[in-house]
Amino acid sequence: MPTPAAPAAPATPSASPPGLIQIRNLAKSYRRGDQHIPVLLDIDLDVAQGEFIALMGPSGSGKSTLLNLIAGIDKPSAGTVEIGGIDIATLGDGELSDWRAHNVGFIFQFYNLIPVLSAFENVELPLLLTGLSARQRRERVAQVLALVSLSDRADHFPNELSGGQQQRVAIARALVTDPTLIVADEPTGDLDRSTGAEVLTLLEQLVDELGKTIVMVTHDPKAAARARRMVHLEKGVLVDELPPTSSDMAKATPPPTPPPTPPSSPTTAPEA
């Protein structure tokens, strides 16, 4: 007689996204002469893979310092900063530089584009540190410029682009190495409201469509409301974590406009 089949195990709920960033007991202080200046005090923070969070707080609260520690630009005085299971605080300077090049994309308030390079060349810069061939670099750059709807501006120099276009070039540059983590320091701070809303919509697309993790510093509550979670710092202490409220979202959401649609196949930049 055949043995009856065992009953099927009950379905388990889908697991939450794995933690990409795990910060424990983080502290940072600086010395100024004989003075000991604490900037961050005993910070614990988890950020899931594919999450978009905003760090908020008044000037001097430590939010930019925290962003720099997450990005591996600075090292903590105490505690751990694990990114993808690696405590980056334990890496040497050379290891940390290599880790940043492969894992982090940077977006700055003032774009940090090199004036004498075209949009294409600015985006290509991070790839010069990789082993990619010239053809592979051209393909990568063309893909990300298409993603930010700037294929037709590839040969333009920064002074030939609007502020919003320059920030989209900066976003393309942050994406070109396909990093897991993107850190954005006041990415809309130099833009008007409408252009800033377009940039925030693009950041949301990077999370929703490409699964990127974004940590953004902003002083603007309307920009922060576009993130999935807000983290508030006061005098170096994490005082509050909350999702944006529905009223915040209503205030922050711009009039609906269709998002740019990348071409079905990347456009290859012309040979130099």
C-alpha atoms as a PDB file:
ATOM      1  CA  MET A   1       0.000   0.000   0.000  1.00  0.00           C
ATOM      2  CA  PRO A   2       1.446   3.359  -0.924  1.00  0.00           C
ATOM      3  CA  THR A   3       2.421   5.614   1.931  1.00  0.00           C
ATOM      4  CA  PRO A   4       0.172   8.671   2.092  1.00  0.00           C
ATOM      5  CA  ALA A   5       1.920  11.886   1.276  1.00  0.00           C
ATOM      6  CA  ALA A   6       2.804  14.121   4.181  1.00  0.00           C
ATOM      7  CA  PRO A   7       0.641  17.218   4.452  1.00  0.00           C
ATOM      8  CA  ALA A   8       2.119  20.294   2.849  1.00  0.00           C
ATOM      9  CA  ALA A   9       3.822  22.683   5.208  1.00  0.00           C
ATOM     10  CA  PRO A  10       1.852  25.866   5.766  1.00  0.00           C
ATOM     11  CA  ALA A  11       2.991  28.800   3.681  1.00  0.00           C
ATOM     12  CA  THR A  12       5.253  31.164   5.535  1.00  0.00           C
ATOM     13  CA  PRO A  13       4.871  34.883   5.103  1.00  0.00           C
ATOM     14  CA  SER A  14       7.357  36.528   2.828  1.00  0.00           C
ATOM     15  CA  ALA A  15      10.459  37.682   4.652  1.00  0.00           C
ATOM     16  CA  SER A  16      11.154  41.370   5.086  1.00  0.00           C
ATOM     17  CA  PRO A  17      13.966  42.816   2.978  1.00  0.00           C
ATOM     18  CA  PRO A  18      17.409  41.907   4.338  1.00  0.00           C
ATOM     19  CA  GLY A  19      19.213  44.560   6.331  1.00  0.00           C
ATOM     20  CA  LEU A  20      21.852  46.321   4.264  1.00  0.00           C
ATOM     21  CA  ILE A  21      23.037  48.794   6.910  1.00  0.00           C
ATOM     22  CA  GLN A  22      23.414  47.885  10.579  1.00  0.00           C
ATOM     23  CA  ILE A  23      24.798  50.575  12.886  1.00  0.00           C
ATOM     24  CA  ARG A  24      25.410  49.830  16.552  1.00  0.00           C
ATOM     25  CA  ASN A  25      26.604  52.074  19.406  1.00  0.00           C
ATOM     26  CA  LEU A  26      28.015  54.534  16.907  1.00  0.00           C
ATOM     27  CA  ALA A  27      29.850  57.574  18.258  1.00  0.00           C
ATOM     28  CA  LYS A  28      31.912  60.269  16.602  1.00  0.00           C
ATOM     29  CA  SER A  29      33.846  63.094  18.179  1.00  0.00           C
ATOM     30  CA  TYR A  30      36.508  65.560  17.094  1.00  0.00           C
ATOM     31  CA  ARG A  31      39.298  67.331  18.904  1.00  0.00           C
ATOM     32  CA  ARG A  32      39.795  71.054  18.575  1.00  0.00           C
ATOM     33  CA  GLY A  33      42.883  71.946  20.530  1.00  0.00           C
ATOM     34  CA  ASP A  34      42.196  70.754  24.071  1.00  0.00           C
ATOM     35  CA  GLN A  35      38.464  70.500  23.426  1.00  0.00           C
ATOM     36  CA  HIS A  36      36.674  67.183  22.908  1.00  0.00           C
ATOM     37  CA  ILE A  37      33.619  67.826  20.700  1.00  0.00           C
ATOM     38  CA  PRO A  38      31.037  65.001  20.540  1.00  0.00           C
ATOM     39  CA  VAL A  39      29.051  64.942  17.294  1.00  0.00           C
ATOM     40  CA  LEU A  40      27.225  61.580  17.402  1.00  0.00           C
ATOM     41  CA  LEU A  41      26.288  59.675  20.557  1.00  0.00           C
ATOM     42  CA  ASP A  42      25.368  55.972  20.742  1.00  0.00           C
ATOM     43  CA  ILE A  43      23.500  55.694  17.438  1.00  0.00           C
ATOM     44  CA  ASP A  44      21.683  52.465  16.530  1.00  0.00           C
ATOM     45  CA  LEU A  45      20.137  52.309  13.065  1.00  0.00           C
ATOM     46  CA  ASP A  46      19.046  49.630  10.590  1.00  0.00           C
ATOM     47  CA  VAL A  47      18.332  50.275   6.922  1.00  0.00           C
ATOM     48  CA  ALA A  48      16.837  47.536   4.765  1.00  0.00           C
ATOM     49  CA  GLN A  49      18.006  46.770   1.279  1.00  0.00           C
ATOM     50  CA  GLY A  50      15.912  48.757  -1.190  1.00  0.00           C
ATOM     51  CA  GLU A  51      14.848  51.349   1.391  1.00  0.00           C
ATOM     52  CA  PHE A  52      14.769  55.130   0.910  1.00  0.00           C
ATOM     53  CA  ILE A  53      15.367  57.016   4.160  1.00  0.00           C
ATOM     54  CA  ALA A  54      15.803  60.691   4.971  1.00  0.00           C
ATOM     55  CA  LEU A  55      18.100  61.965   7.719  1.00  0.00           C
ATOM     56  CA  MET A  56      16.754  65.196   9.182  1.00  0.00           C
ATOM     57  CA  GLY A  57      17.762  67.587  11.909  1.00  0.00           C
ATOM     58  CA  PRO A  58      18.845  71.161  12.565  1.00  0.00           C
ATOM     59  CA  SER A  59      22.270  72.446  11.628  1.00  0.00           C
ATOM     60  CA  GLY A  60      24.867  70.785  13.847  1.00  0.00           C
ATOM     61  CA  SER A  61      22.666  67.786  14.670  1.00  0.00           C
ATOM     62  CA  GLY A  62      25.160  65.326  13.162  1.00  0.00           C
ATOM     63  CA  LYS A  63      23.167  64.214  10.116  1.00  0.00           C
ATOM     64  CA  SER A  64      25.933  64.949   7.588  1.00  0.00           C
ATOM     65  CA  THR A  65      28.494  63.275   9.844  1.00  0.00           C
ATOM     66  CA  LEU A  66      26.287  60.183  10.002  1.00  0.00           C
ATOM     67  CA  LEU A  67      25.960  60.187   6.207  1.00  0.00           C
ATOM     68  CA  ASN A  68      29.753  60.410   5.840  1.00  0.00           C
ATOM     69  CA  LEU A  69      30.231  57.466   8.201  1.00  0.00           C
ATOM     70  CA  ILE A  70      27.699  55.352   6.279  1.00  0.00           C
ATOM     71  CA  ALA A  71      29.463  56.236   3.014  1.00  0.00           C
ATOM     72  CA  GLY A  72      32.903  55.363   4.348  1.00  0.00           C
ATOM     73  CA  ILE A  73      34.190  58.924   3.955  1.00  0.00           C
ATOM     74  CA  ASP A  74      34.934  59.171   7.692  1.00  0.00           C
ATOM     75  CA  LYS A  75      35.571  56.659  10.472  1.00  0.00           C
ATOM     76  CA  PRO A  76      33.734  56.422  13.794  1.00  0.00           C
ATOM     77  CA  SER A  77      35.299  57.019  17.178  1.00  0.00           C
ATOM     78  CA  ALA A  78      33.385  54.008  18.538  1.00  0.00           C
ATOM     79  CA  GLY A  79      30.802  51.483  17.430  1.00  0.00           C
ATOM     80  CA  THR A  80      30.247  49.563  14.215  1.00  0.00           C
ATOM     81  CA  VAL A  81      28.979  50.432  10.744  1.00  0.00           C
ATOM     82  CA  GLU A  82      28.151  47.220   8.883  1.00  0.00           C
ATOM     83  CA  ILE A  83      27.228  47.552   5.216  1.00  0.00           C
ATOM     84  CA  GLY A  84      26.313  44.283   3.548  1.00  0.00           C
ATOM     85  CA  GLY A  85      27.873  42.388   6.455  1.00  0.00           C
ATOM     86  CA  ILE A  86      31.213  44.258   6.350  1.00  0.00           C
ATOM     87  CA  ASP A  87      32.185  46.487   9.258  1.00  0.00           C
ATOM     88  CA  ILE A  88      33.678  49.270   7.181  1.00  0.00           C
ATOM     89  CA  ALA A  89      35.125  50.919  10.298  1.00  0.00           C
ATOM     90  CA  THR A  90      37.731  48.140  10.390  1.00  0.00           C
ATOM     91  CA  LEU A  91      38.942  48.647   6.814  1.00  0.00           C
ATOM     92  CA  GLY A  92      42.250  50.319   6.056  1.00  0.00           C
ATOM     93  CA  ASP A  93      42.349  53.460   3.933  1.00  0.00           C
ATOM     94  CA  GLY A  94      43.126  51.588   0.704  1.00  0.00           C
ATOM     95  CA  GLU A  95      40.489  48.925   1.390  1.00  0.00           C
ATOM     96  CA  LEU A  96      37.932  51.602   2.236  1.00  0.00           C
ATOM     97  CA  SER A  97      38.635  53.506  -0.972  1.00  0.00           C
ATOM     98  CA  ASP A  98      38.188  50.328  -2.996  1.00  0.00           C
ATOM     99  CA  TRP A  99      34.989  49.489  -1.097  1.00  0.00           C
ATOM    100  CA  ARG A 100      33.519  52.936  -1.795  1.00  0.00           C
ATOM    101  CA  ALA A 101      34.349  52.692  -5.506  1.00  0.00           C
ATOM    102  CA  HIS A 102      32.411  49.447  -5.848  1.00  0.00           C
ATOM    103  CA  ASN A 103      29.528  49.937  -3.415  1.00  0.00           C
ATOM    104  CA  VAL A 104      28.583  53.604  -3.033  1.00  0.00           C
ATOM    105  CA  GLY A 105      27.250  56.241  -5.409  1.00  0.00           C
ATOM    106  CA  PHE A 106      27.380  59.890  -4.326  1.00  0.00           C
ATOM    107  CA  ILE A 107      24.926  62.717  -5.102  1.00  0.00           C
ATOM    108  CA  PHE A 108      25.846  66.205  -3.879  1.00  0.00           C
ATOM    109  CA  GLN A 109      23.903  69.438  -3.440  1.00  0.00           C
ATOM    110  CA  PHE A 110      26.100  71.373  -5.870  1.00  0.00           C
ATOM    111  CA  TYR A 111      26.513  68.488  -8.363  1.00  0.00           C
ATOM    112  CA  ASN A 112      30.368  68.439  -8.235  1.00  0.00           C
ATOM    113  CA  LEU A 113      30.660  68.135 -12.000  1.00  0.00           C
ATOM    114  CA  ILE A 114      33.996  68.931 -13.652  1.00  0.00           C
ATOM    115  CA  PRO A 115      33.411  72.014 -15.832  1.00  0.00           C
ATOM    116  CA  VAL A 116      35.826  71.066 -18.630  1.00  0.00           C
ATOM    117  CA  LEU A 117      34.277  67.616 -19.133  1.00  0.00           C
ATOM    118  CA  SER A 118      31.083  66.859 -21.030  1.00  0.00           C
ATOM    119  CA  ALA A 119      28.127  65.180 -19.361  1.00  0.00           C
ATOM    120  CA  PHE A 120      29.259  61.882 -20.882  1.00  0.00           C
ATOM    121  CA  GLU A 121      32.817  62.299 -19.591  1.00  0.00           C
ATOM    122  CA  ASN A 122      31.642  63.302 -16.100  1.00  0.00           C
ATOM    123  CA  VAL A 123      29.515  60.165 -15.859  1.00  0.00           C
ATOM    124  CA  GLU A 124      32.369  58.011 -17.179  1.00  0.00           C
ATOM    125  CA  LEU A 125      34.853  59.176 -14.520  1.00  0.00           C
ATOM    126  CA  PRO A 126      34.092  56.498 -11.857  1.00  0.00           C
ATOM    127  CA  LEU A 127      34.506  53.775 -14.489  1.00  0.00           C
ATOM    128  CA  LEU A 128      38.107  54.801 -15.166  1.00  0.00           C
ATOM    129  CA  LEU A 129      38.980  53.151 -11.834  1.00  0.00           C
ATOM    130  CA  THR A 130      37.570  49.824 -13.034  1.00  0.00           C
ATOM    131  CA  GLY A 131      38.894  47.247 -15.474  1.00  0.00           C
ATOM    132  CA  LEU A 132      36.180  47.902 -18.048  1.00  0.00           C
ATOM    133  CA  SER A 133      37.186  48.389 -21.655  1.00  0.00           C
ATOM    134  CA  ALA A 134      36.458  51.657 -23.476  1.00  0.00           C
ATOM    135  CA  ARG A 135      33.544  49.993 -25.266  1.00  0.00           C
ATOM    136  CA  GLN A 136      32.059  48.677 -22.006  1.00  0.00           C
ATOM    137  CA  ARG A 137      32.414  52.122 -20.439  1.00  0.00           C
ATOM    138  CA  ARG A 138      30.616  53.758 -23.361  1.00  0.00           C
ATOM    139  CA  GLU A 139      27.764  51.275 -23.092  1.00  0.00           C
ATOM    140  CA  ARG A 140      27.391  51.783 -19.334  1.00  0.00           C
ATOM    141  CA  VAL A 141      27.417  55.575 -19.641  1.00  0.00           C
ATOM    142  CA  ALA A 142      24.883  55.508 -22.479  1.00  0.00           C
ATOM    143  CA  GLN A 143      22.559  53.314 -20.415  1.00  0.00           C
ATOM    144  CA  VAL A 144      22.506  55.538 -17.348  1.00  0.00           C
ATOM    145  CA  LEU A 145      22.205  58.754 -19.375  1.00  0.00           C
ATOM    146  CA  ALA A 146      19.172  57.201 -21.067  1.00  0.00           C
ATOM    147  CA  LEU A 147      17.789  56.268 -17.644  1.00  0.00           C
ATOM    148  CA  VAL A 148      17.891  59.922 -16.532  1.00  0.00           C
ATOM    149  CA  SER A 149      16.593  61.115 -19.949  1.00  0.00           C
ATOM    150  CA  LEU A 150      19.791  62.923 -20.967  1.00  0.00           C
ATOM    151  CA  SER A 151      20.956  60.927 -23.982  1.00  0.00           C
ATOM    152  CA  ASP A 152      20.579  64.058 -26.116  1.00  0.00           C
ATOM    153  CA  ARG A 153      22.776  66.074 -23.724  1.00  0.00           C
ATOM    154  CA  ALA A 154      25.732  63.684 -23.599  1.00  0.00           C
ATOM    155  CA  ASP A 155      28.101  66.102 -25.353  1.00  0.00           C
ATOM    156  CA  HIS A 156      27.019  69.199 -23.409  1.00  0.00           C
ATOM    157  CA  PHE A 157      29.247  70.779 -20.776  1.00  0.00           C
ATOM    158  CA  PRO A 158      27.899  71.629 -17.297  1.00  0.00           C
ATOM    159  CA  ASN A 159      27.530  75.335 -18.083  1.00  0.00           C
ATOM    160  CA  GLU A 160      25.277  74.369 -21.000  1.00  0.00           C
ATOM    161  CA  LEU A 161      22.873  72.476 -18.722  1.00  0.00           C
ATOM    162  CA  SER A 162      20.179  73.646 -16.313  1.00  0.00           C
ATOM    163  CA  GLY A 163      20.500  72.942 -12.590  1.00  0.00           C
ATOM    164  CA  GLY A 164      18.077  70.041 -12.845  1.00  0.00           C
ATOM    165  CA  GLN A 165      19.966  68.572 -15.790  1.00  0.00           C
ATOM    166  CA  GLN A 166      23.270  68.888 -13.945  1.00  0.00           C
ATOM    167  CA  GLN A 167      21.803  67.029 -10.972  1.00  0.00           C
ATOM    168  CA  ARG A 168      20.553  64.291 -13.290  1.00  0.00           C
ATOM    169  CA  VAL A 169      24.080  63.986 -14.693  1.00  0.00           C
ATOM    170  CA  ALA A 170      25.275  63.624 -11.091  1.00  0.00           C
ATOM    171  CA  ILE A 171      22.660  60.910 -10.476  1.00  0.00           C
ATOM    172  CA  ALA A 172      23.802  59.087 -13.633  1.00  0.00           C
ATOM    173  CA  ARG A 173      27.391  59.299 -12.384  1.00  0.00           C
ATOM    174  CA  ALA A 174      26.276  57.824  -9.033  1.00  0.00           C
ATOM    175  CA  LEU A 175      24.565  54.934 -10.852  1.00  0.00           C
ATOM    176  CA  VAL A 176      27.164  54.074 -13.464  1.00  0.00           C
ATOM    177  CA  THR A 177      29.114  51.615 -11.285  1.00  0.00           C
ATOM    178  CA  ASP A 178      25.825  49.914 -10.256  1.00  0.00           C
ATOM    179  CA  PRO A 179      26.332  50.518  -6.516  1.00  0.00           C
ATOM    180  CA  THR A 180      24.151  48.925  -3.860  1.00  0.00           C
ATOM    181  CA  LEU A 181      23.982  52.117  -1.804  1.00  0.00           C
ATOM    182  CA  ILE A 182      23.417  55.728  -2.891  1.00  0.00           C
ATOM    183  CA  VAL A 183      24.066  58.581  -0.464  1.00  0.00           C
ATOM    184  CA  ALA A 184      22.549  61.965  -1.286  1.00  0.00           C
ATOM    185  CA  ASP A 185      23.545  65.144   0.553  1.00  0.00           C
ATOM    186  CA  GLU A 186      20.822  67.807   0.101  1.00  0.00           C
ATOM    187  CA  PRO A 187      20.189  66.699  -3.525  1.00  0.00           C
ATOM    188  CA  THR A 188      17.423  69.289  -4.037  1.00  0.00           C
ATOM    189  CA  GLY A 189      18.972  72.094  -1.984  1.00  0.00           C
ATOM    190  CA  ASP A 190      20.105  74.111  -5.026  1.00  0.00           C
ATOM    191  CA  LEU A 191      16.986  73.504  -7.126  1.00  0.00           C
ATOM    192  CA  ASP A 192      13.618  75.216  -7.413  1.00  0.00           C
ATOM    193  CA  ARG A 193      10.595  73.357  -6.097  1.00  0.00           C
ATOM    194  CA  SER A 194       9.418  71.934  -9.422  1.00  0.00           C
ATOM    195  CA  THR A 195      12.868  70.745 -10.511  1.00  0.00           C
ATOM    196  CA  GLY A 196      13.547  69.365  -7.031  1.00  0.00           C
ATOM    197  CA  ALA A 197      10.324  67.350  -7.216  1.00  0.00           C
ATOM    198  CA  GLU A 198      11.457  65.857 -10.538  1.00  0.00           C
ATOM    199  CA  VAL A 199      14.786  64.812  -8.996  1.00  0.00           C
ATOM    200  CA  LEU A 200      12.990  63.214  -6.023  1.00  0.00           C
ATOM    201  CA  THR A 201      10.716  61.321  -8.420  1.00  0.00           C
ATOM    202  CA  LEU A 202      13.821  59.989 -10.148  1.00  0.00           C
ATOM    203  CA  LEU A 203      15.266  58.872  -6.800  1.00  0.00           C
ATOM    204  CA  GLU A 204      11.999  57.063  -6.041  1.00  0.00           C
ATOM    205  CA  GLN A 205      12.286  55.274  -9.400  1.00  0.00           C
ATOM    206  CA  LEU A 206      15.799  54.105  -8.510  1.00  0.00           C
ATOM    207  CA  VAL A 207      14.382  52.471  -5.383  1.00  0.00           C
ATOM    208  CA  ASP A 208      11.178  51.083  -6.866  1.00  0.00           C
ATOM    209  CA  GLU A 209      12.516  49.917 -10.232  1.00  0.00           C
ATOM    210  CA  LEU A 210      16.213  49.190  -9.612  1.00  0.00           C
ATOM    211  CA  GLY A 211      16.118  48.204  -5.937  1.00  0.00           C
ATOM    212  CA  LYS A 212      18.699  50.778  -4.875  1.00  0.00           C
ATOM    213  CA  THR A 213      19.077  51.783  -1.238  1.00  0.00           C
ATOM    214  CA  ILE A 214      19.154  55.556  -0.730  1.00  0.00           C
ATOM    215  CA  VAL A 215      20.168  57.480   2.386  1.00  0.00           C
ATOM    216  CA  MET A 216      19.415  61.179   1.935  1.00  0.00           C
ATOM    217  CA  VAL A 217      20.271  64.155   4.133  1.00  0.00           C
ATOM    218  CA  THR A 218      17.840  67.051   3.845  1.00  0.00           C
ATOM    219  CA  HIS A 219      16.597  69.996   5.878  1.00  0.00           C
ATOM    220  CA  ASP A 220      13.439  70.229   3.744  1.00  0.00           C
ATOM    221  CA  PRO A 221      10.406  68.426   5.241  1.00  0.00           C
ATOM    222  CA  LYS A 222       8.760  68.250   1.798  1.00  0.00           C
ATOM    223  CA  ALA A 223      11.794  66.456   0.360  1.00  0.00           C
ATOM    224  CA  ALA A 224      11.983  64.160   3.395  1.00  0.00           C
ATOM    225  CA  ALA A 225       8.320  63.240   2.981  1.00  0.00           C
ATOM    226  CA  ARG A 226       9.175  61.615  -0.359  1.00  0.00           C
ATOM    227  CA  ALA A 227      11.352  59.067   1.471  1.00  0.00           C
ATOM    228  CA  ARG A 228       9.893  55.865   2.922  1.00  0.00           C
ATOM    229  CA  ARG A 229      11.185  56.663   6.409  1.00  0.00           C
ATOM    230  CA  MET A 230      12.434  59.742   8.249  1.00  0.00           C
ATOM    231  CA  VAL A 231      15.139  59.652  10.909  1.00  0.00           C
ATOM    232  CA  HIS A 232      15.520  62.726  13.126  1.00  0.00           C
ATOM    233  CA  LEU A 233      18.716  63.704  14.885  1.00  0.00           C
ATOM    234  CA  GLU A 234      19.069  66.270  17.673  1.00  0.00           C
ATOM    235  CA  LYS A 235      22.467  67.183  19.135  1.00  0.00           C
ATOM    236  CA  GLY A 236      24.008  63.936  17.922  1.00  0.00           C
ATOM    237  CA  VAL A 237      21.239  61.684  19.232  1.00  0.00           C
ATOM    238  CA  LEU A 238      18.707  59.760  17.178  1.00  0.00           C
ATOM    239  CA  VAL A 239      15.432  61.004  18.655  1.00  0.00           C
ATOM    240  CA  ASP A 240      12.746  59.802  16.282  1.00  0.00           C
ATOM    241  CA  GLU A 241      12.028  57.411  13.411  1.00  0.00           C
ATOM    242  CA  LEU A 242       8.762  57.509  11.525  1.00  0.00           C
ATOM    243  CA  PRO A 243       7.261  57.014   8.092  1.00  0.00           C
ATOM    244  CA  PRO A 244       5.955  60.111   6.315  1.00  0.00           C
ATOM    245  CA  THR A 245       2.358  60.973   7.220  1.00  0.00           C
ATOM    246  CA  SER A 246      -0.343  61.063   4.571  1.00  0.00           C
ATOM    247  CA  SER A 247      -0.556  64.857   4.917  1.00  0.00           C
ATOM    248  CA  ASP A 248       3.212  65.128   4.409  1.00  0.00           C
ATOM    249  CA  MET A 249       2.953  62.994   1.300  1.00  0.00           C
ATOM    250  CA  ALA A 250       0.067  65.071  -0.056  1.00  0.00           C
ATOM    251  CA  LYS A 251       2.049  68.272   0.406  1.00  0.00           C
ATOM    252  CA  ALA A 252       5.211  66.804  -1.069  1.00  0.00           C
ATOM    253  CA  THR A 253       3.749  65.047  -4.095  1.00  0.00           C
ATOM    254  CA  PRO A 254       3.982  67.158  -7.263  1.00  0.00           C
ATOM    255  CA  PRO A 255       1.244  67.220  -9.904  1.00  0.00           C
ATOM    256  CA  PRO A 256       1.275  63.862 -11.702  1.00  0.00           C
ATOM    257  CA  THR A 257       3.492  63.767 -14.754  1.00  0.00           C
ATOM    258  CA  PRO A 258       4.448  60.652 -16.696  1.00  0.00           C
ATOM    259  CA  PRO A 259       7.960  59.489 -15.744  1.00  0.00           C
ATOM    260  CA  PRO A 260      10.598  59.443 -18.467  1.00  0.00           C
ATOM    261  CA  THR A 261      10.694  56.141 -20.331  1.00  0.00           C
ATOM    262  CA  PRO A 262      14.189  54.817 -21.062  1.00  0.00           C
ATOM    263  CA  PRO A 263      14.690  53.596 -24.630  1.00  0.00           C
ATOM    264  CA  SER A 264      14.380  49.874 -25.188  1.00  0.00           C
ATOM    265  CA  SER A 265      18.038  49.606 -26.088  1.00  0.00           C
ATOM    266  CA  PRO A 266      20.876  51.835 -24.940  1.00  0.00           C
ATOM    267  CA  THR A 267      22.219  54.452 -27.311  1.00  0.00           C
ATOM    268  CA  THR A 268      25.942  54.143 -27.855  1.00  0.00           C
ATOM    269  CA  ALA A 269      27.894  57.359 -27.521  1.00  0.00           C
ATOM    270  CA  PRO A 270      29.862  58.440 -30.578  1.00  0.00           C
ATOM    271  CA  GLU A 271      33.496  57.452 -30.792  1.00  0.00           C
ATOM    272  CA  ALA A 272      35.903  60.124 -29.630  1.00  0.00           C
END
